[in-house]
């Protein structure tokens, strides 16, 4: 670094008067000619120090793999991105969507590994499984995976002991089943509708069956393997159930408009697993905020990238407080009200 200092040669540097030394020129305190130079010098030093500090920051690359587009998963992604952007880190984010295709998940996951990403954020179980299958070294954070242990992503939700940690979207299923009785006190039977291809949905359905039994409700699992089966299945259970419960399920979420519209034709309310599906016709839920899940993931990412922690030791995190959300328009159409 070279610093050039200029000096006004019109003034002699030292004058000896009566055996005392006085300063003149740019350093003359009385004339204050030194202040502009001093302030400029300090500003230059400050700018150089800031530039040096920023140049020493490591550049991180994060790959985001999302299985499919729908409101909940989109909200999780946006929460993560917003959280990362608030960090004092140099981070490049690359987002790719598999459009609901498992083979695309694998292809994208391999691309992120080949690009030496510092961290991969996998949204939904198929994306998480594909990423876990191609790398055991790159840290992976997951979101919208209900039970990571059940799908062999971690050894324990409390201590993963793998290169994977993140958040779970396990909903307060007991409150959601109770909501059915609060909306329809005379309800006796419910159908638990989910995709047979989703392991997380099966896990939630089993919990829902137990909670329904506690309330004296007769519950039956209703599954489908193809999207084309949904309308026919919902029509077939009309008159046989008083309500439909859907756990957090990617295929269900993508087709909630069809499910709720068909159910409404027969006066059947749909209680869903997450808040974003109310806009698609579900009647209510005690749900979680997927955007908040993404923010939690961003905080986890900061700890990993800055070396404060490793996924192996980071427990899976959950949203503790689920809030009641109701679709008043659908309630009115079905002539239902919430009985507190």
C-alpha atoms as a PDB file:
ATOM      1  CA  UNK A   1       0.000   0.000   0.000  1.00  0.00           C
ATOM      2  CA  UNK A   2       1.390   3.386  -1.005  1.00  0.00           C
ATOM      3  CA  UNK A   3       0.234   6.593   0.658  1.00  0.00           C
ATOM      4  CA  UNK A   4       1.143   9.982  -0.856  1.00  0.00           C
ATOM      5  CA  UNK A   5       1.181  12.996   1.426  1.00  0.00           C
ATOM      6  CA  UNK A   6       1.196  16.510  -0.033  1.00  0.00           C
ATOM      7  CA  UNK A   7       2.609  19.538   1.727  1.00  0.00           C
ATOM      8  CA  UNK A   8       2.140  23.250   1.074  1.00  0.00           C
ATOM      9  CA  UNK A   9       5.706  24.446   0.387  1.00  0.00           C
ATOM     10  CA  UNK A  10       4.665  28.052   0.778  1.00  0.00           C
ATOM     11  CA  UNK A  11       5.110  27.641   4.491  1.00  0.00           C
ATOM     12  CA  UNK A  12       8.403  26.766   6.202  1.00  0.00           C
ATOM     13  CA  UNK A  13       8.050  23.782   8.477  1.00  0.00           C
ATOM     14  CA  UNK A  14       9.779  25.193  11.520  1.00  0.00           C
ATOM     15  CA  UNK A  15      10.496  28.712  12.762  1.00  0.00           C
ATOM     16  CA  UNK A  16      12.618  29.327  15.791  1.00  0.00           C
ATOM     17  CA  UNK A  17      11.539  32.435  17.626  1.00  0.00           C
ATOM     18  CA  UNK A  18      12.974  33.325  21.001  1.00  0.00           C
ATOM     19  CA  UNK A  19      14.406  29.809  21.280  1.00  0.00           C
ATOM     20  CA  UNK A  20      10.930  28.268  20.984  1.00  0.00           C
ATOM     21  CA  UNK A  21       9.800  25.916  18.283  1.00  0.00           C
ATOM     22  CA  UNK A  22       6.619  26.770  16.417  1.00  0.00           C
ATOM     23  CA  UNK A  23       4.868  24.735  13.700  1.00  0.00           C
ATOM     24  CA  UNK A  24       3.504  26.381  10.594  1.00  0.00           C
ATOM     25  CA  UNK A  25       2.305  25.237   7.213  1.00  0.00           C
ATOM     26  CA  UNK A  26      -0.222  22.435   7.021  1.00  0.00           C
ATOM     27  CA  UNK A  27       0.446  21.437  10.620  1.00  0.00           C
ATOM     28  CA  UNK A  28      -0.272  24.849  12.072  1.00  0.00           C
ATOM     29  CA  UNK A  29      -2.846  24.262  14.798  1.00  0.00           C
ATOM     30  CA  UNK A  30      -3.900  27.880  14.828  1.00  0.00           C
ATOM     31  CA  UNK A  31      -4.675  27.964  11.120  1.00  0.00           C
ATOM     32  CA  UNK A  32      -6.139  24.412  11.192  1.00  0.00           C
ATOM     33  CA  UNK A  33      -4.673  23.581   7.792  1.00  0.00           C
ATOM     34  CA  UNK A  34      -3.892  20.071   8.964  1.00  0.00           C
ATOM     35  CA  UNK A  35      -7.536  19.018   9.548  1.00  0.00           C
ATOM     36  CA  UNK A  36      -8.532  18.299   5.919  1.00  0.00           C
ATOM     37  CA  UNK A  37      -5.421  16.205   5.405  1.00  0.00           C
ATOM     38  CA  UNK A  38      -5.904  14.324   8.683  1.00  0.00           C
ATOM     39  CA  UNK A  39      -9.569  13.575   8.014  1.00  0.00           C
ATOM     40  CA  UNK A  40      -8.851  12.469   4.473  1.00  0.00           C
ATOM     41  CA  UNK A  41      -6.063  10.194   5.707  1.00  0.00           C
ATOM     42  CA  UNK A  42      -8.312   8.579   8.331  1.00  0.00           C
ATOM     43  CA  UNK A  43     -11.085   8.061   5.783  1.00  0.00           C
ATOM     44  CA  UNK A  44      -8.653   6.375   3.431  1.00  0.00           C
ATOM     45  CA  UNK A  45      -7.407   4.053   6.169  1.00  0.00           C
ATOM     46  CA  UNK A  46     -10.992   3.163   7.159  1.00  0.00           C
ATOM     47  CA  UNK A  47     -11.975   2.331   3.586  1.00  0.00           C
ATOM     48  CA  UNK A  48      -8.884   0.199   3.097  1.00  0.00           C
ATOM     49  CA  UNK A  49      -9.563  -1.705   6.312  1.00  0.00           C
ATOM     50  CA  UNK A  50     -13.195  -2.369   5.340  1.00  0.00           C
ATOM     51  CA  UNK A  51     -12.138  -3.543   1.902  1.00  0.00           C
ATOM     52  CA  UNK A  52      -9.547  -5.848   3.427  1.00  0.00           C
ATOM     53  CA  UNK A  53     -12.081  -7.225   5.903  1.00  0.00           C
ATOM     54  CA  UNK A  54     -14.648  -7.929   3.199  1.00  0.00           C
ATOM     55  CA  UNK A  55     -12.048  -9.508   0.943  1.00  0.00           C
ATOM     56  CA  UNK A  56     -11.242 -11.971   3.718  1.00  0.00           C
ATOM     57  CA  UNK A  57     -14.868 -13.182   3.942  1.00  0.00           C
ATOM     58  CA  UNK A  58     -15.335 -16.626   2.497  1.00  0.00           C
ATOM     59  CA  UNK A  59     -17.765 -16.985  -0.378  1.00  0.00           C
ATOM     60  CA  UNK A  60     -20.311 -19.718   0.290  1.00  0.00           C
ATOM     61  CA  UNK A  61     -22.530 -21.502  -2.191  1.00  0.00           C
ATOM     62  CA  UNK A  62     -25.873 -23.009  -1.180  1.00  0.00           C
ATOM     63  CA  UNK A  63     -27.930 -25.217  -3.462  1.00  0.00           C
ATOM     64  CA  UNK A  64     -31.694 -25.358  -2.881  1.00  0.00           C
ATOM     65  CA  UNK A  65     -33.494 -28.445  -4.159  1.00  0.00           C
ATOM     66  CA  UNK A  66     -37.295 -28.319  -3.947  1.00  0.00           C
ATOM     67  CA  UNK A  67     -39.340 -31.356  -4.900  1.00  0.00           C
ATOM     68  CA  UNK A  68     -42.422 -29.592  -6.234  1.00  0.00           C
ATOM     69  CA  UNK A  69     -44.047 -26.170  -6.255  1.00  0.00           C
ATOM     70  CA  UNK A  70     -46.896 -25.456  -3.866  1.00  0.00           C
ATOM     71  CA  UNK A  71     -47.592 -22.798  -1.256  1.00  0.00           C
ATOM     72  CA  UNK A  72     -46.133 -24.567   1.776  1.00  0.00           C
ATOM     73  CA  UNK A  73     -42.842 -25.582   0.170  1.00  0.00           C
ATOM     74  CA  UNK A  74     -42.532 -22.202  -1.554  1.00  0.00           C
ATOM     75  CA  UNK A  75     -42.990 -20.482   1.806  1.00  0.00           C
ATOM     76  CA  UNK A  76     -40.281 -22.629   3.386  1.00  0.00           C
ATOM     77  CA  UNK A  77     -37.884 -21.743   0.573  1.00  0.00           C
ATOM     78  CA  UNK A  78     -38.638 -18.023   0.822  1.00  0.00           C
ATOM     79  CA  UNK A  79     -38.179 -18.024   4.590  1.00  0.00           C
ATOM     80  CA  UNK A  80     -34.802 -19.682   4.155  1.00  0.00           C
ATOM     81  CA  UNK A  81     -33.655 -17.233   1.469  1.00  0.00           C
ATOM     82  CA  UNK A  82     -34.813 -14.204   3.468  1.00  0.00           C
ATOM     83  CA  UNK A  83     -33.061 -15.538   6.554  1.00  0.00           C
ATOM     84  CA  UNK A  84     -29.815 -16.157   4.659  1.00  0.00           C
ATOM     85  CA  UNK A  85     -29.905 -12.673   3.106  1.00  0.00           C
ATOM     86  CA  UNK A  86     -30.010 -11.141   6.579  1.00  0.00           C
ATOM     87  CA  UNK A  87     -26.779 -12.861   7.597  1.00  0.00           C
ATOM     88  CA  UNK A  88     -23.435 -11.109   7.448  1.00  0.00           C
ATOM     89  CA  UNK A  89     -22.103 -13.711   5.016  1.00  0.00           C
ATOM     90  CA  UNK A  90     -21.194 -13.786   1.341  1.00  0.00           C
ATOM     91  CA  UNK A  91     -23.623 -16.411   0.061  1.00  0.00           C
ATOM     92  CA  UNK A  92     -24.536 -17.402  -3.480  1.00  0.00           C
ATOM     93  CA  UNK A  93     -27.837 -19.284  -3.713  1.00  0.00           C
ATOM     94  CA  UNK A  94     -28.790 -21.560  -6.590  1.00  0.00           C
ATOM     95  CA  UNK A  95     -32.408 -22.757  -6.649  1.00  0.00           C
ATOM     96  CA  UNK A  96     -33.717 -25.686  -8.670  1.00  0.00           C
ATOM     97  CA  UNK A  97     -37.156 -27.322  -8.678  1.00  0.00           C
ATOM     98  CA  UNK A  98     -37.610 -30.991  -9.563  1.00  0.00           C
ATOM     99  CA  UNK A  99     -41.229 -30.440 -10.675  1.00  0.00           C
ATOM    100  CA  UNK A 100     -42.385 -33.482  -8.738  1.00  0.00           C
ATOM    101  CA  UNK A 101     -40.036 -35.878 -10.565  1.00  0.00           C
ATOM    102  CA  UNK A 102     -37.836 -38.134  -8.420  1.00  0.00           C
ATOM    103  CA  UNK A 103     -35.301 -38.622 -11.217  1.00  0.00           C
ATOM    104  CA  UNK A 104     -34.964 -34.837 -11.476  1.00  0.00           C
ATOM    105  CA  UNK A 105     -34.211 -34.734  -7.749  1.00  0.00           C
ATOM    106  CA  UNK A 106     -31.302 -37.123  -8.234  1.00  0.00           C
ATOM    107  CA  UNK A 107     -29.995 -35.204 -11.249  1.00  0.00           C
ATOM    108  CA  UNK A 108     -30.107 -31.859  -9.425  1.00  0.00           C
ATOM    109  CA  UNK A 109     -28.558 -33.294  -6.269  1.00  0.00           C
ATOM    110  CA  UNK A 110     -25.643 -34.643  -8.307  1.00  0.00           C
ATOM    111  CA  UNK A 111     -25.198 -31.224  -9.933  1.00  0.00           C
ATOM    112  CA  UNK A 112     -24.943 -29.550  -6.545  1.00  0.00           C
ATOM    113  CA  UNK A 113     -22.345 -32.090  -5.440  1.00  0.00           C
ATOM    114  CA  UNK A 114     -20.332 -31.578  -8.642  1.00  0.00           C
ATOM    115  CA  UNK A 115     -20.427 -27.812  -8.040  1.00  0.00           C
ATOM    116  CA  UNK A 116     -18.964 -28.321  -4.538  1.00  0.00           C
ATOM    117  CA  UNK A 117     -21.783 -26.539  -2.749  1.00  0.00           C
ATOM    118  CA  UNK A 118     -20.973 -25.697   0.847  1.00  0.00           C
ATOM    119  CA  UNK A 119     -24.496 -26.661   1.907  1.00  0.00           C
ATOM    120  CA  UNK A 120     -27.616 -28.118   0.300  1.00  0.00           C
ATOM    121  CA  UNK A 121     -31.128 -27.176   1.420  1.00  0.00           C
ATOM    122  CA  UNK A 122     -33.562 -29.972   0.492  1.00  0.00           C
ATOM    123  CA  UNK A 123     -37.282 -29.211   0.688  1.00  0.00           C
ATOM    124  CA  UNK A 124     -39.663 -32.196   1.063  1.00  0.00           C
ATOM    125  CA  UNK A 125     -38.849 -35.847   1.625  1.00  0.00           C
ATOM    126  CA  UNK A 126     -38.064 -36.938  -1.978  1.00  0.00           C
ATOM    127  CA  UNK A 127     -35.601 -34.067  -2.350  1.00  0.00           C
ATOM    128  CA  UNK A 128     -33.986 -34.910   0.988  1.00  0.00           C
ATOM    129  CA  UNK A 129     -33.685 -38.606   0.175  1.00  0.00           C
ATOM    130  CA  UNK A 130     -32.159 -37.952  -3.248  1.00  0.00           C
ATOM    131  CA  UNK A 131     -29.597 -35.565  -1.794  1.00  0.00           C
ATOM    132  CA  UNK A 132     -28.693 -37.912   1.046  1.00  0.00           C
ATOM    133  CA  UNK A 133     -28.135 -40.705  -1.476  1.00  0.00           C
ATOM    134  CA  UNK A 134     -25.444 -38.810  -3.393  1.00  0.00           C
ATOM    135  CA  UNK A 135     -23.356 -37.215  -0.629  1.00  0.00           C
ATOM    136  CA  UNK A 136     -22.389 -38.027   2.932  1.00  0.00           C
ATOM    137  CA  UNK A 137     -19.917 -35.131   3.179  1.00  0.00           C
ATOM    138  CA  UNK A 138     -21.714 -31.940   2.154  1.00  0.00           C
ATOM    139  CA  UNK A 139     -23.951 -30.639   4.980  1.00  0.00           C
ATOM    140  CA  UNK A 140     -27.641 -31.059   4.176  1.00  0.00           C
ATOM    141  CA  UNK A 141     -30.486 -29.168   5.808  1.00  0.00           C
ATOM    142  CA  UNK A 142     -34.011 -30.474   5.277  1.00  0.00           C
ATOM    143  CA  UNK A 143     -37.451 -28.913   5.571  1.00  0.00           C
ATOM    144  CA  UNK A 144     -41.017 -30.225   5.201  1.00  0.00           C
ATOM    145  CA  UNK A 145     -39.944 -33.724   6.231  1.00  0.00           C
ATOM    146  CA  UNK A 146     -42.320 -34.980   8.904  1.00  0.00           C
ATOM    147  CA  UNK A 147     -40.224 -37.689  10.537  1.00  0.00           C
ATOM    148  CA  UNK A 148     -36.589 -37.810   9.331  1.00  0.00           C
ATOM    149  CA  UNK A 149     -35.899 -40.981  11.310  1.00  0.00           C
ATOM    150  CA  UNK A 150     -38.739 -42.847   9.642  1.00  0.00           C
ATOM    151  CA  UNK A 151     -37.312 -42.188   6.159  1.00  0.00           C
ATOM    152  CA  UNK A 152     -33.736 -43.071   7.206  1.00  0.00           C
ATOM    153  CA  UNK A 153     -32.300 -39.582   6.906  1.00  0.00           C
ATOM    154  CA  UNK A 154     -31.019 -39.379  10.480  1.00  0.00           C
ATOM    155  CA  UNK A 155     -30.305 -41.893  13.209  1.00  0.00           C
ATOM    156  CA  UNK A 156     -32.096 -39.808  15.824  1.00  0.00           C
ATOM    157  CA  UNK A 157     -34.118 -36.597  15.660  1.00  0.00           C
ATOM    158  CA  UNK A 158     -32.306 -35.446  18.797  1.00  0.00           C
ATOM    159  CA  UNK A 159     -28.803 -36.285  17.502  1.00  0.00           C
ATOM    160  CA  UNK A 160     -28.816 -37.004  13.743  1.00  0.00           C
ATOM    161  CA  UNK A 161     -25.296 -38.474  13.618  1.00  0.00           C
ATOM    162  CA  UNK A 162     -25.289 -37.976   9.820  1.00  0.00           C
ATOM    163  CA  UNK A 163     -24.521 -35.012   7.564  1.00  0.00           C
ATOM    164  CA  UNK A 164     -28.216 -34.083   7.773  1.00  0.00           C
ATOM    165  CA  UNK A 165     -30.221 -31.879  10.104  1.00  0.00           C
ATOM    166  CA  UNK A 166     -33.046 -29.365   9.644  1.00  0.00           C
ATOM    167  CA  UNK A 167     -36.707 -28.908  10.526  1.00  0.00           C
ATOM    168  CA  UNK A 168     -39.796 -31.097  10.685  1.00  0.00           C
ATOM    169  CA  UNK A 169     -43.286 -30.090   9.639  1.00  0.00           C
ATOM    170  CA  UNK A 170     -44.968 -32.517  12.022  1.00  0.00           C
ATOM    171  CA  UNK A 171     -48.275 -30.827  12.778  1.00  0.00           C
ATOM    172  CA  UNK A 172     -50.252 -30.947  16.047  1.00  0.00           C
ATOM    173  CA  UNK A 173     -52.416 -33.784  14.752  1.00  0.00           C
ATOM    174  CA  UNK A 174     -54.356 -34.169  18.001  1.00  0.00           C
ATOM    175  CA  UNK A 175     -55.573 -30.560  17.758  1.00  0.00           C
ATOM    176  CA  UNK A 176     -56.439 -30.995  14.101  1.00  0.00           C
ATOM    177  CA  UNK A 177     -58.608 -34.042  14.799  1.00  0.00           C
ATOM    178  CA  UNK A 178     -60.236 -32.248  17.746  1.00  0.00           C
ATOM    179  CA  UNK A 179     -61.097 -29.418  15.352  1.00  0.00           C
ATOM    180  CA  UNK A 180     -63.413 -31.783  13.474  1.00  0.00           C
ATOM    181  CA  UNK A 181     -65.565 -32.188  16.592  1.00  0.00           C
ATOM    182  CA  UNK A 182     -65.495 -28.442  17.262  1.00  0.00           C
ATOM    183  CA  UNK A 183     -66.732 -27.712  13.746  1.00  0.00           C
ATOM    184  CA  UNK A 184     -69.113 -30.661  13.520  1.00  0.00           C
ATOM    185  CA  UNK A 185     -69.980 -31.875  17.033  1.00  0.00           C
ATOM    186  CA  UNK A 186     -72.212 -34.674  15.726  1.00  0.00           C
ATOM    187  CA  UNK A 187     -69.494 -36.115  13.481  1.00  0.00           C
ATOM    188  CA  UNK A 188     -69.063 -39.865  13.894  1.00  0.00           C
ATOM    189  CA  UNK A 189     -66.747 -40.902  11.074  1.00  0.00           C
ATOM    190  CA  UNK A 190     -63.846 -39.379   9.169  1.00  0.00           C
ATOM    191  CA  UNK A 191     -61.768 -40.328   6.161  1.00  0.00           C
ATOM    192  CA  UNK A 192     -58.005 -39.813   6.327  1.00  0.00           C
ATOM    193  CA  UNK A 193     -56.985 -39.053   2.749  1.00  0.00           C
ATOM    194  CA  UNK A 194     -53.371 -39.202   1.555  1.00  0.00           C
ATOM    195  CA  UNK A 195     -51.043 -40.409  -1.191  1.00  0.00           C
ATOM    196  CA  UNK A 196     -49.770 -43.974  -0.781  1.00  0.00           C
ATOM    197  CA  UNK A 197     -46.415 -42.840  -2.202  1.00  0.00           C
ATOM    198  CA  UNK A 198     -45.670 -40.594   0.787  1.00  0.00           C
ATOM    199  CA  UNK A 199     -44.107 -42.380   3.769  1.00  0.00           C
ATOM    200  CA  UNK A 200     -44.505 -39.288   5.938  1.00  0.00           C
ATOM    201  CA  UNK A 201     -48.245 -39.284   5.266  1.00  0.00           C
ATOM    202  CA  UNK A 202     -48.587 -42.888   6.440  1.00  0.00           C
ATOM    203  CA  UNK A 203     -46.768 -41.919   9.639  1.00  0.00           C
ATOM    204  CA  UNK A 204     -49.202 -39.041  10.251  1.00  0.00           C
ATOM    205  CA  UNK A 205     -52.230 -41.149   9.354  1.00  0.00           C
ATOM    206  CA  UNK A 206     -51.360 -43.659  12.050  1.00  0.00           C
ATOM    207  CA  UNK A 207     -51.217 -40.857  14.614  1.00  0.00           C
ATOM    208  CA  UNK A 208     -54.532 -39.482  13.346  1.00  0.00           C
ATOM    209  CA  UNK A 209     -56.186 -42.900  13.707  1.00  0.00           C
ATOM    210  CA  UNK A 210     -55.172 -43.035  17.356  1.00  0.00           C
ATOM    211  CA  UNK A 211     -56.362 -39.490  18.054  1.00  0.00           C
ATOM    212  CA  UNK A 212     -59.707 -40.163  16.346  1.00  0.00           C
ATOM    213  CA  UNK A 213     -60.225 -43.244  18.487  1.00  0.00           C
ATOM    214  CA  UNK A 214     -59.697 -41.167  21.638  1.00  0.00           C
ATOM    215  CA  UNK A 215     -62.545 -38.905  20.554  1.00  0.00           C
ATOM    216  CA  UNK A 216     -64.856 -41.787  19.690  1.00  0.00           C
ATOM    217  CA  UNK A 217     -64.575 -41.152  15.960  1.00  0.00           C
ATOM    218  CA  UNK A 218     -64.582 -43.999  13.477  1.00  0.00           C
ATOM    219  CA  UNK A 219     -61.632 -43.277  11.161  1.00  0.00           C
ATOM    220  CA  UNK A 220     -60.637 -44.945   7.919  1.00  0.00           C
ATOM    221  CA  UNK A 221     -57.504 -44.491   5.809  1.00  0.00           C
ATOM    222  CA  UNK A 222     -58.251 -43.589   2.195  1.00  0.00           C
ATOM    223  CA  UNK A 223     -55.255 -43.677  -0.110  1.00  0.00           C
ATOM    224  CA  UNK A 224     -54.606 -43.060  -3.785  1.00  0.00           C
ATOM    225  CA  UNK A 225     -51.595 -43.766  -5.971  1.00  0.00           C
ATOM    226  CA  UNK A 226     -52.466 -41.632  -9.003  1.00  0.00           C
ATOM    227  CA  UNK A 227     -53.729 -38.059  -9.129  1.00  0.00           C
ATOM    228  CA  UNK A 228     -56.404 -39.160 -11.603  1.00  0.00           C
ATOM    229  CA  UNK A 229     -57.984 -41.271  -8.838  1.00  0.00           C
ATOM    230  CA  UNK A 230     -58.625 -38.399  -6.423  1.00  0.00           C
ATOM    231  CA  UNK A 231     -61.996 -37.137  -7.623  1.00  0.00           C
ATOM    232  CA  UNK A 232     -63.491 -40.609  -7.926  1.00  0.00           C
ATOM    233  CA  UNK A 233     -62.256 -41.583  -4.450  1.00  0.00           C
ATOM    234  CA  UNK A 234     -63.678 -38.462  -2.804  1.00  0.00           C
ATOM    235  CA  UNK A 235     -67.003 -39.017  -4.568  1.00  0.00           C
ATOM    236  CA  UNK A 236     -67.051 -42.662  -3.452  1.00  0.00           C
ATOM    237  CA  UNK A 237     -66.856 -41.765   0.257  1.00  0.00           C
ATOM    238  CA  UNK A 238     -69.679 -39.212   0.133  1.00  0.00           C
ATOM    239  CA  UNK A 239     -72.362 -40.226   2.586  1.00  0.00           C
ATOM    240  CA  UNK A 240     -69.894 -42.496   4.388  1.00  0.00           C
ATOM    241  CA  UNK A 241     -67.828 -39.890   6.266  1.00  0.00           C
ATOM    242  CA  UNK A 242     -68.703 -36.689   8.079  1.00  0.00           C
ATOM    243  CA  UNK A 243     -65.345 -35.030   7.371  1.00  0.00           C
ATOM    244  CA  UNK A 244     -62.075 -35.580   5.548  1.00  0.00           C
ATOM    245  CA  UNK A 245     -58.701 -35.117   7.210  1.00  0.00           C
ATOM    246  CA  UNK A 246     -55.570 -34.647   5.100  1.00  0.00           C
ATOM    247  CA  UNK A 247     -52.096 -34.780   6.670  1.00  0.00           C
ATOM    248  CA  UNK A 248     -49.220 -32.723   5.271  1.00  0.00           C
ATOM    249  CA  UNK A 249     -48.768 -34.457   1.924  1.00  0.00           C
ATOM    250  CA  UNK A 250     -47.150 -32.990  -1.189  1.00  0.00           C
ATOM    251  CA  UNK A 251     -49.542 -34.644  -3.648  1.00  0.00           C
ATOM    252  CA  UNK A 252     -52.578 -33.690  -1.584  1.00  0.00           C
ATOM    253  CA  UNK A 253     -51.344 -30.111  -1.295  1.00  0.00           C
ATOM    254  CA  UNK A 254     -50.905 -29.841  -5.053  1.00  0.00           C
ATOM    255  CA  UNK A 255     -54.477 -31.093  -5.579  1.00  0.00           C
ATOM    256  CA  UNK A 256     -56.325 -29.546  -2.640  1.00  0.00           C
ATOM    257  CA  UNK A 257     -58.515 -27.406  -4.891  1.00  0.00           C
ATOM    258  CA  UNK A 258     -59.907 -30.546  -6.538  1.00  0.00           C
ATOM    259  CA  UNK A 259     -60.298 -32.371  -3.206  1.00  0.00           C
ATOM    260  CA  UNK A 260     -62.111 -29.553  -1.428  1.00  0.00           C
ATOM    261  CA  UNK A 261     -64.312 -28.682  -4.407  1.00  0.00           C
ATOM    262  CA  UNK A 262     -65.433 -32.283  -4.786  1.00  0.00           C
ATOM    263  CA  UNK A 263     -66.005 -32.720  -1.045  1.00  0.00           C
ATOM    264  CA  UNK A 264     -68.008 -29.506  -0.824  1.00  0.00           C
ATOM    265  CA  UNK A 265     -70.491 -30.836  -3.393  1.00  0.00           C
ATOM    266  CA  UNK A 266     -71.453 -33.432  -0.811  1.00  0.00           C
ATOM    267  CA  UNK A 267     -71.296 -31.090   2.199  1.00  0.00           C
ATOM    268  CA  UNK A 268     -68.091 -32.644   3.537  1.00  0.00           C
ATOM    269  CA  UNK A 269     -65.579 -30.318   5.255  1.00  0.00           C
ATOM    270  CA  UNK A 270     -61.866 -30.886   4.702  1.00  0.00           C
ATOM    271  CA  UNK A 271     -59.533 -30.330   7.652  1.00  0.00           C
ATOM    272  CA  UNK A 272     -55.993 -29.974   6.364  1.00  0.00           C
ATOM    273  CA  UNK A 273     -52.502 -30.324   7.778  1.00  0.00           C
ATOM    274  CA  UNK A 274     -51.185 -26.837   7.025  1.00  0.00           C
ATOM    275  CA  UNK A 275     -52.444 -23.265   6.788  1.00  0.00           C
ATOM    276  CA  UNK A 276     -51.626 -22.516   3.149  1.00  0.00           C
ATOM    277  CA  UNK A 277     -54.278 -24.979   1.958  1.00  0.00           C
ATOM    278  CA  UNK A 278     -57.149 -22.885   3.327  1.00  0.00           C
ATOM    279  CA  UNK A 279     -56.916 -20.701   0.241  1.00  0.00           C
ATOM    280  CA  UNK A 280     -57.585 -23.831  -1.823  1.00  0.00           C
ATOM    281  CA  UNK A 281     -60.846 -24.655  -0.086  1.00  0.00           C
ATOM    282  CA  UNK A 282     -59.935 -26.516   3.111  1.00  0.00           C
ATOM    283  CA  UNK A 283     -62.104 -25.435   6.032  1.00  0.00           C
ATOM    284  CA  UNK A 284     -59.556 -25.159   8.838  1.00  0.00           C
ATOM    285  CA  UNK A 285     -56.518 -26.405  10.714  1.00  0.00           C
ATOM    286  CA  UNK A 286     -54.221 -25.952  13.627  1.00  0.00           C
ATOM    287  CA  UNK A 287     -51.257 -25.393  11.399  1.00  0.00           C
ATOM    288  CA  UNK A 288     -47.740 -24.168  11.221  1.00  0.00           C
ATOM    289  CA  UNK A 289     -46.027 -21.415   9.312  1.00  0.00           C
ATOM    290  CA  UNK A 290     -43.711 -22.927   6.707  1.00  0.00           C
ATOM    291  CA  UNK A 291     -42.047 -19.541   6.254  1.00  0.00           C
ATOM    292  CA  UNK A 292     -40.997 -19.738   9.893  1.00  0.00           C
ATOM    293  CA  UNK A 293     -39.583 -23.219   9.264  1.00  0.00           C
ATOM    294  CA  UNK A 294     -37.393 -21.696   6.554  1.00  0.00           C
ATOM    295  CA  UNK A 295     -36.150 -19.017   8.958  1.00  0.00           C
ATOM    296  CA  UNK A 296     -35.171 -21.719  11.446  1.00  0.00           C
ATOM    297  CA  UNK A 297     -33.279 -23.503   8.668  1.00  0.00           C
ATOM    298  CA  UNK A 298     -31.416 -20.273   7.851  1.00  0.00           C
ATOM    299  CA  UNK A 299     -30.234 -20.004  11.465  1.00  0.00           C
ATOM    300  CA  UNK A 300     -29.047 -23.598  11.288  1.00  0.00           C
ATOM    301  CA  UNK A 301     -27.196 -22.841   8.052  1.00  0.00           C
ATOM    302  CA  UNK A 302     -25.361 -19.937   9.682  1.00  0.00           C
ATOM    303  CA  UNK A 303     -24.077 -22.199  12.451  1.00  0.00           C
ATOM    304  CA  UNK A 304     -22.834 -24.756   9.927  1.00  0.00           C
ATOM    305  CA  UNK A 305     -21.199 -22.303   7.514  1.00  0.00           C
ATOM    306  CA  UNK A 306     -19.436 -20.399  10.287  1.00  0.00           C
ATOM    307  CA  UNK A 307     -18.181 -23.557  11.965  1.00  0.00           C
ATOM    308  CA  UNK A 308     -20.224 -23.133  15.135  1.00  0.00           C
ATOM    309  CA  UNK A 309     -21.848 -26.547  14.780  1.00  0.00           C
ATOM    310  CA  UNK A 310     -22.155 -29.593  12.531  1.00  0.00           C
ATOM    311  CA  UNK A 311     -25.306 -31.399  11.346  1.00  0.00           C
ATOM    312  CA  UNK A 312     -24.309 -34.545  13.202  1.00  0.00           C
ATOM    313  CA  UNK A 313     -24.917 -32.776  16.523  1.00  0.00           C
ATOM    314  CA  UNK A 314     -27.825 -30.501  15.571  1.00  0.00           C
ATOM    315  CA  UNK A 315     -31.280 -31.777  16.586  1.00  0.00           C
ATOM    316  CA  UNK A 316     -34.216 -31.620  14.207  1.00  0.00           C
ATOM    317  CA  UNK A 317     -36.254 -28.533  15.147  1.00  0.00           C
ATOM    318  CA  UNK A 318     -40.013 -28.048  15.267  1.00  0.00           C
ATOM    319  CA  UNK A 319     -42.428 -25.128  15.454  1.00  0.00           C
ATOM    320  CA  UNK A 320     -43.858 -25.211  18.948  1.00  0.00           C
ATOM    321  CA  UNK A 321     -46.918 -23.002  18.660  1.00  0.00           C
ATOM    322  CA  UNK A 322     -49.524 -23.939  16.080  1.00  0.00           C
ATOM    323  CA  UNK A 323     -52.367 -21.483  15.572  1.00  0.00           C
ATOM    324  CA  UNK A 324     -56.009 -22.013  14.682  1.00  0.00           C
ATOM    325  CA  UNK A 325     -56.839 -20.933  11.151  1.00  0.00           C
ATOM    326  CA  UNK A 326     -60.324 -21.090   9.620  1.00  0.00           C
ATOM    327  CA  UNK A 327     -61.759 -20.457   6.170  1.00  0.00           C
ATOM    328  CA  UNK A 328     -64.861 -18.444   7.049  1.00  0.00           C
ATOM    329  CA  UNK A 329     -66.173 -18.474   3.483  1.00  0.00           C
ATOM    330  CA  UNK A 330     -66.191 -22.269   3.311  1.00  0.00           C
ATOM    331  CA  UNK A 331     -67.639 -22.521   6.839  1.00  0.00           C
ATOM    332  CA  UNK A 332     -70.564 -20.369   5.765  1.00  0.00           C
ATOM    333  CA  UNK A 333     -71.146 -22.399   2.620  1.00  0.00           C
ATOM    334  CA  UNK A 334     -71.233 -25.593   4.666  1.00  0.00           C
ATOM    335  CA  UNK A 335     -73.303 -23.932   7.403  1.00  0.00           C
ATOM    336  CA  UNK A 336     -70.699 -24.727  10.031  1.00  0.00           C
ATOM    337  CA  UNK A 337     -69.295 -22.714  12.920  1.00  0.00           C
ATOM    338  CA  UNK A 338     -66.439 -23.149  15.366  1.00  0.00           C
ATOM    339  CA  UNK A 339     -67.617 -24.327  18.797  1.00  0.00           C
ATOM    340  CA  UNK A 340     -64.982 -23.295  21.350  1.00  0.00           C
END
